[in-house]
Amino acid sequence: MHKLYFAFVTVLLLAGSTVVMGQRSEVMKPINQFVNGFNKGDTASAMAACSEATAIIDEFAPHSWSGSGACQQWADDFDANSKKNGITNGKVILGKPTHVDITGDHAYVVIPSNYTYKQKGKTMAEPGSIFTFALHKGGSGWMITGWAWNTK
């Protein structure tokens, strides 16, 4: 009887972990889409991962964007800041998420990340940074509703 109970509990745990892994994979899709689009210079792909109303915190002025069209406004400001400061070839490398919390149709994800770029031809890096995301699942799937970049 103990063996049967142990087998039953093991099956339940494995089934639950498969569901959780599937949820994590789904939550990571818009994050990966955003970062891959950014890395390729494909603004349309990156922006498609954001919900219409998003809240963003980043290290360059004006440092925060929120509301309707916030992702596109951030992208426009990022491009202007990059041109002003001679920044090119920006690339974000995501590490393994250190925190994924999924509660119903809301998710919170923390990912160690590295950012490399060239500034006036000189290679620069922001290793050990943290990319934090908030997401919401709606009719079209998971969408980014907020993110913050934290440089170490």
Protein backbone atom coordinates (compact mmCIF):
# COMPACT_ATOMS: atom_id res chain seq x y z
CA MET A 1 0.00 0.00 0.00
CA HIS A 2 2.87 2.39 0.82
CA LYS A 3 4.42 1.74 -2.59
CA LEU A 4 1.14 2.53 -4.32
CA TYR A 5 0.77 5.75 -2.32
CA PHE A 6 4.36 6.75 -3.12
CA ALA A 7 3.80 6.04 -6.83
CA PHE A 8 0.59 8.09 -6.83
CA VAL A 9 2.26 11.07 -5.12
CA THR A 10 5.23 10.86 -7.50
CA VAL A 11 2.92 10.91 -10.53
CA LEU A 12 1.06 13.94 -9.14
CA LEU A 13 4.31 15.80 -8.48
CA LEU A 14 5.67 15.04 -11.95
CA ALA A 15 2.41 16.09 -13.59
CA GLY A 16 2.40 19.31 -11.57
CA SER A 17 6.01 20.11 -12.46
CA THR A 18 5.24 19.53 -16.16
CA VAL A 19 2.36 22.02 -15.95
CA VAL A 20 4.59 24.54 -14.16
CA MET A 21 7.37 24.10 -16.74
CA GLY A 22 4.83 24.63 -19.52
CA GLN A 23 3.55 27.79 -17.84
CA ARG A 24 7.11 29.08 -17.40
CA SER A 25 7.82 28.39 -21.06
CA GLU A 26 4.69 30.30 -22.13
CA VAL A 27 5.51 33.25 -19.84
CA MET A 28 9.05 33.42 -21.27
CA LYS A 29 7.82 33.65 -24.90
CA PRO A 30 7.05 37.40 -24.92
CA ILE A 31 10.20 38.13 -22.90
CA ASN A 32 12.33 36.25 -25.42
CA GLN A 33 10.45 37.89 -28.29
CA PHE A 34 11.13 41.34 -26.83
CA VAL A 35 14.83 40.66 -26.24
CA ASN A 36 15.35 38.90 -29.60
CA GLY A 37 13.63 41.77 -31.40
CA PHE A 38 15.78 44.30 -29.53
CA ASN A 39 18.96 42.37 -30.33
CA LYS A 40 18.10 42.17 -34.05
CA GLY A 41 17.00 45.80 -34.27
CA ASP A 42 13.49 44.55 -35.06
CA THR A 43 11.49 47.12 -33.13
CA ALA A 44 8.15 45.85 -34.45
CA SER A 45 8.79 42.36 -33.07
CA ALA A 46 9.96 43.70 -29.72
CA MET A 47 6.96 46.06 -29.42
CA ALA A 48 4.53 43.25 -30.29
CA ALA A 49 5.49 41.56 -26.99
CA CYS A 50 4.26 44.57 -24.98
CA SER A 51 0.69 45.23 -23.97
CA GLU A 52 -0.77 48.53 -25.15
CA ALA A 53 -0.34 50.05 -21.68
CA THR A 54 3.02 49.23 -20.14
CA ALA A 55 5.16 50.62 -17.31
CA ILE A 56 8.93 50.80 -17.89
CA ILE A 57 11.90 51.89 -15.77
CA ASP A 58 15.32 52.19 -17.41
CA GLU A 59 18.66 53.89 -16.76
CA PHE A 60 18.44 56.70 -19.33
CA ALA A 61 16.27 59.81 -19.13
CA PRO A 62 13.41 60.25 -18.68
CA HIS A 63 13.85 56.93 -16.75
CA SER A 64 10.18 55.97 -16.75
CA TRP A 65 7.48 55.45 -19.34
CA SER A 66 3.91 54.36 -18.69
CA GLY A 67 0.53 54.11 -20.22
CA SER A 68 -0.66 53.67 -23.77
CA GLY A 69 2.21 53.32 -26.24
CA ALA A 70 4.89 53.30 -23.52
CA CYS A 71 6.97 50.57 -25.17
CA GLN A 72 7.15 52.46 -28.45
CA GLN A 73 7.95 55.72 -26.64
CA TRP A 74 10.74 53.92 -24.77
CA ALA A 75 12.08 52.56 -28.09
CA ASP A 76 12.02 56.03 -29.63
CA ASP A 77 13.80 57.51 -26.61
CA PHE A 78 16.30 54.64 -26.58
CA ASP A 79 17.12 55.30 -30.24
CA ALA A 80 17.50 59.04 -29.62
CA ASN A 81 19.71 58.43 -26.55
CA SER A 82 21.82 55.93 -28.50
CA LYS A 83 22.36 58.39 -31.38
CA LYS A 84 23.17 61.23 -28.98
CA ASN A 85 25.76 59.11 -27.11
CA GLY A 86 27.21 57.15 -30.04
CA ILE A 87 25.81 53.81 -28.85
CA THR A 88 25.53 50.98 -31.37
CA ASN A 89 25.33 47.18 -31.48
CA GLY A 90 23.32 46.81 -28.27
CA LYS A 91 22.71 43.22 -27.25
CA VAL A 92 21.02 41.74 -24.18
CA ILE A 93 21.91 38.22 -23.09
CA LEU A 94 19.38 36.71 -20.70
CA GLY A 95 20.54 34.30 -18.02
CA LYS A 96 18.41 31.68 -16.32
CA PRO A 97 15.42 33.23 -14.51
CA THR A 98 16.01 33.37 -10.77
CA HIS A 99 12.38 34.02 -9.93
CA VAL A 100 9.21 33.10 -11.82
CA ASP A 101 5.94 33.65 -10.02
CA ILE A 102 2.76 32.79 -11.92
CA THR A 103 -0.54 33.51 -10.21
CA GLY A 104 -3.49 32.89 -12.48
CA ASP A 105 -3.21 35.32 -15.38
CA HIS A 106 -0.37 37.38 -13.85
CA ALA A 107 3.34 36.64 -13.82
CA TYR A 108 6.51 38.18 -12.35
CA VAL A 109 9.92 37.18 -13.73
CA VAL A 110 13.44 38.17 -12.61
CA ILE A 111 16.32 37.39 -14.96
CA PRO A 112 20.06 38.06 -14.51
CA SER A 113 21.21 39.67 -17.75
CA ASN A 114 24.22 41.14 -19.49
CA TYR A 115 24.13 44.08 -21.88
CA THR A 116 26.94 44.75 -24.32
CA TYR A 117 27.23 47.61 -26.79
CA LYS A 118 29.71 49.90 -28.49
CA GLN A 119 29.99 53.51 -27.48
CA LYS A 120 31.84 55.62 -30.02
CA GLY A 121 33.48 52.40 -31.21
CA LYS A 122 34.61 51.21 -27.77
CA THR A 123 33.15 47.93 -26.45
CA MET A 124 31.15 48.48 -23.27
CA ALA A 125 29.28 46.10 -20.99
CA GLU A 126 26.82 46.03 -18.12
CA PRO A 127 27.42 42.53 -16.72
CA GLY A 128 25.36 41.22 -13.83
CA SER A 129 22.34 43.41 -14.56
CA ILE A 130 18.80 42.39 -13.68
CA PHE A 131 15.82 42.44 -16.05
CA THR A 132 12.50 42.25 -14.19
CA PHE A 133 9.17 41.73 -15.96
CA ALA A 134 5.48 41.79 -15.10
CA LEU A 135 3.14 40.03 -17.51
CA HIS A 136 -0.57 39.46 -17.98
CA LYS A 137 -2.29 36.68 -19.89
CA GLY A 138 -5.19 37.83 -22.02
CA GLY A 139 -7.01 36.56 -25.07
CA SER A 140 -3.90 36.70 -27.24
CA GLY A 141 -1.64 35.05 -24.64
CA TRP A 142 0.99 36.47 -22.31
CA MET A 143 2.01 40.11 -22.82
CA ILE A 144 4.56 42.28 -21.03
CA THR A 145 2.80 44.88 -18.87
CA GLY A 146 5.90 46.22 -17.16
CA TRP A 147 9.65 45.86 -17.05
CA ALA A 148 12.64 47.38 -15.31
CA TRP A 149 16.35 47.25 -16.14
CA ASN A 150 18.71 47.39 -13.18
CA THR A 151 22.41 47.86 -13.86
CA LYS A 152 24.76 46.31 -11.32
